[in-house]
Protein backbone atom coordinates (compact mmCIF):
# COMPACT_ATOMS: atom_id res chain seq x y z
CA UNK A 1 59.65 40.71 -53.98
CA UNK A 2 61.47 37.48 -53.09
CA UNK A 3 61.54 36.25 -56.69
CA UNK A 4 63.35 39.39 -57.86
CA UNK A 5 65.98 38.88 -55.15
CA UNK A 6 66.37 35.29 -56.25
CA UNK A 7 66.80 36.34 -59.87
CA UNK A 8 69.75 38.54 -58.94
CA UNK A 9 71.45 35.74 -56.95
CA UNK A 10 71.75 33.34 -59.93
CA UNK A 11 75.31 33.35 -61.23
CA UNK A 12 76.54 32.27 -64.65
CA UNK A 13 80.04 31.35 -65.72
CA UNK A 14 81.90 31.12 -68.99
CA UNK A 15 83.72 27.90 -69.71
CA UNK A 16 87.25 29.07 -70.50
CA UNK A 17 88.17 27.78 -73.93
CA UNK A 18 91.87 28.51 -74.14
CA UNK A 19 93.84 25.32 -74.58
CA UNK A 20 90.71 23.19 -75.01
CA UNK A 21 91.06 22.73 -78.75
CA UNK A 22 93.08 20.00 -80.44
CA UNK A 23 94.49 20.34 -83.97
CA UNK A 24 94.02 16.59 -84.48
CA UNK A 25 90.21 17.06 -84.31
CA UNK A 26 90.06 19.77 -87.00
CA UNK A 27 89.78 17.43 -89.97
CA UNK A 28 86.50 16.02 -88.59
CA UNK A 29 84.79 19.37 -88.17
CA UNK A 30 84.09 20.38 -91.77
CA UNK A 31 80.42 19.34 -91.70
CA UNK A 32 79.74 20.10 -88.04
CA UNK A 33 81.58 23.37 -87.39
CA UNK A 34 79.51 26.08 -89.02
CA UNK A 35 76.04 24.69 -88.16
CA UNK A 36 77.24 24.15 -84.57
CA UNK A 37 78.52 27.69 -84.28
CA UNK A 38 75.26 29.13 -85.56
CA UNK A 39 72.99 26.73 -83.66
CA UNK A 40 71.52 25.40 -86.91
CA UNK A 41 70.84 21.89 -85.67
CA UNK A 42 68.58 21.02 -88.55
CA UNK A 43 71.69 20.56 -90.71
CA UNK A 44 73.37 18.10 -88.34
CA UNK A 45 73.00 14.36 -88.19
CA UNK A 46 72.54 12.95 -84.68
CA UNK A 47 73.88 9.45 -85.43
CA UNK A 48 76.85 8.08 -83.48
CA UNK A 49 80.23 9.17 -84.76
CA UNK A 50 83.62 7.47 -84.68
CA UNK A 51 86.65 9.69 -85.20
CA UNK A 52 89.82 7.72 -85.84
CA UNK A 53 92.65 10.17 -85.36
CA UNK A 54 95.82 9.86 -87.35
CA UNK A 55 98.91 8.88 -85.41
CA UNK A 56 101.06 11.56 -87.03
CA UNK A 57 99.39 14.38 -85.03
CA UNK A 58 99.82 14.70 -81.27
CA UNK A 59 96.65 14.20 -79.22
CA UNK A 60 95.77 13.70 -75.58
CA UNK A 61 92.41 12.58 -74.19
CA UNK A 62 90.86 15.35 -72.09
CA UNK A 63 87.51 15.96 -70.42
CA UNK A 64 86.56 18.87 -72.63
CA UNK A 65 87.41 20.27 -76.06
CA UNK A 66 85.97 23.28 -77.79
CA UNK A 67 87.06 22.35 -81.27
CA UNK A 68 87.66 25.37 -83.51
CA UNK A 69 85.71 27.44 -80.95
CA UNK A 70 82.57 25.99 -82.48
CA UNK A 71 82.04 22.40 -81.41
CA UNK A 72 81.88 21.58 -77.67
CA UNK A 73 82.94 18.02 -76.95
CA UNK A 74 82.47 16.60 -73.43
CA UNK A 75 83.88 13.35 -72.09
CA UNK A 76 81.32 10.75 -71.12
CA UNK A 77 81.85 11.21 -67.33
CA UNK A 78 81.36 14.98 -67.53
CA UNK A 79 78.28 14.74 -69.72
CA UNK A 80 76.70 12.03 -67.56
CA UNK A 81 77.18 14.33 -64.55
CA UNK A 82 75.42 17.10 -66.45
CA UNK A 83 72.56 14.81 -67.47
CA UNK A 84 71.92 13.98 -63.82
CA UNK A 85 70.83 17.56 -63.06
CA UNK A 86 69.86 19.37 -66.27
CA UNK A 87 67.10 19.27 -68.84
CA UNK A 88 68.72 18.63 -72.20
CA UNK A 89 65.96 19.50 -74.64
CA UNK A 90 67.93 22.73 -75.33
CA UNK A 91 71.11 20.83 -76.18
CA UNK A 92 71.76 19.06 -79.47
CA UNK A 93 73.70 15.87 -78.69
CA UNK A 94 75.75 13.56 -80.88
CA UNK A 95 77.41 10.48 -79.32
CA UNK A 96 81.07 10.30 -80.30
CA UNK A 97 83.95 7.85 -79.93
CA UNK A 98 87.45 9.18 -80.39
CA UNK A 99 90.12 6.61 -81.19
CA UNK A 100 93.81 7.40 -81.03
CA UNK A 101 96.69 4.91 -81.18
CA UNK A 102 94.37 1.99 -80.42
CA UNK A 103 92.75 3.69 -77.41
CA UNK A 104 89.08 4.67 -77.60
CA UNK A 105 87.13 7.10 -75.35
CA UNK A 106 83.44 8.03 -75.39
CA UNK A 107 82.37 11.66 -75.73
CA UNK A 108 79.29 13.70 -76.53
CA UNK A 109 79.20 16.61 -78.89
CA UNK A 110 76.79 18.78 -76.92
CA UNK A 111 75.80 21.96 -78.69
CA UNK A 112 73.82 24.28 -76.40
CA UNK A 113 71.04 26.41 -77.79
CA UNK A 114 71.59 30.06 -78.53
CA UNK A 115 69.14 32.06 -76.44
CA UNK A 116 68.21 35.72 -76.19
CA UNK A 117 69.57 36.40 -72.70
CA UNK A 118 71.69 39.59 -72.78
CA UNK A 119 70.78 43.14 -71.85
CA UNK A 120 72.02 46.12 -73.88
CA UNK A 121 75.31 46.07 -71.95
CA UNK A 122 75.99 42.40 -72.69
CA UNK A 123 75.11 41.13 -69.20
CA UNK A 124 73.11 37.95 -68.73
CA UNK A 125 69.56 38.44 -67.47
CA UNK A 126 68.55 35.47 -65.35
CA UNK A 127 64.86 35.88 -66.12
CA UNK A 128 65.61 35.39 -69.84
CA UNK A 129 67.76 32.29 -69.25
CA UNK A 130 64.89 30.41 -67.69
CA UNK A 131 65.70 26.78 -66.85
CA UNK A 132 68.82 26.46 -68.99
CA UNK A 133 71.96 25.35 -67.16
CA UNK A 134 74.13 25.42 -70.29
CA UNK A 135 73.63 27.79 -73.22
CA UNK A 136 75.14 30.29 -75.61
CA UNK A 137 74.00 33.84 -76.29
CA UNK A 138 72.08 34.77 -79.42
CA UNK A 139 75.08 36.84 -80.58
CA UNK A 140 76.74 34.74 -83.32
CA UNK A 141 80.06 36.56 -82.72
CA UNK A 142 80.05 35.28 -79.10
CA UNK A 143 81.45 31.75 -79.01
CA UNK A 144 81.23 31.51 -75.23
CA UNK A 145 79.48 28.65 -73.49
CA UNK A 146 77.70 29.75 -70.34
CA UNK A 147 76.87 27.45 -67.43
CA UNK A 148 74.83 27.98 -64.31
CA UNK A 149 76.46 27.96 -60.90
CA UNK A 150 74.61 24.70 -60.24
CA UNK A 151 76.27 22.98 -63.22
CA UNK A 152 79.65 24.53 -62.43
CA UNK A 153 79.41 23.13 -58.90
CA UNK A 154 78.38 19.71 -60.21
CA UNK A 155 81.49 19.68 -62.39
CA UNK A 156 83.84 20.94 -59.65
CA UNK A 157 85.69 17.62 -59.42
CA UNK A 158 86.66 17.84 -63.09
CA UNK A 159 89.70 20.06 -62.70
CA UNK A 160 90.38 20.29 -66.43
CA UNK A 161 87.45 22.68 -66.98
CA UNK A 162 88.12 26.26 -65.95
CA UNK A 163 85.52 28.96 -65.49
CA UNK A 164 85.30 32.72 -65.51
CA UNK A 165 82.43 34.58 -63.89
CA UNK A 166 80.30 36.25 -66.56
């Protein structure tokens, strides 16, 4: 009886993606975008990347980008916070450096697994999520990234990421 009450108390949140994309990143997404959106990790290389952005496009370093609504890119401080509390075997990770106007910042492209977690009404079922703290639904039309309340709370000091209760 207690476990069913616990299942209902687990909350999940959507990372709000409006304003988190940068046009300057688009040129680097041709090989990563579609496999990332579909969760087809077998087509992605996991070697370190260096993206040297052109100076003719405006860009600002942020904690999070969701490039083309397909490729989640987390700053090193945010991703290190996540690594301190989550299992990452369900997340495909690619180390990334972004360089712009001589300044370089470290990031991680962190593509969460797509999991079967929704009921017939599109609500997340905690018992199907299991131990995942960051994931996407199996619906390829759904580009949302879901996080557990635990991860949301861990990231609370990063004010650039906004959430919406799912």
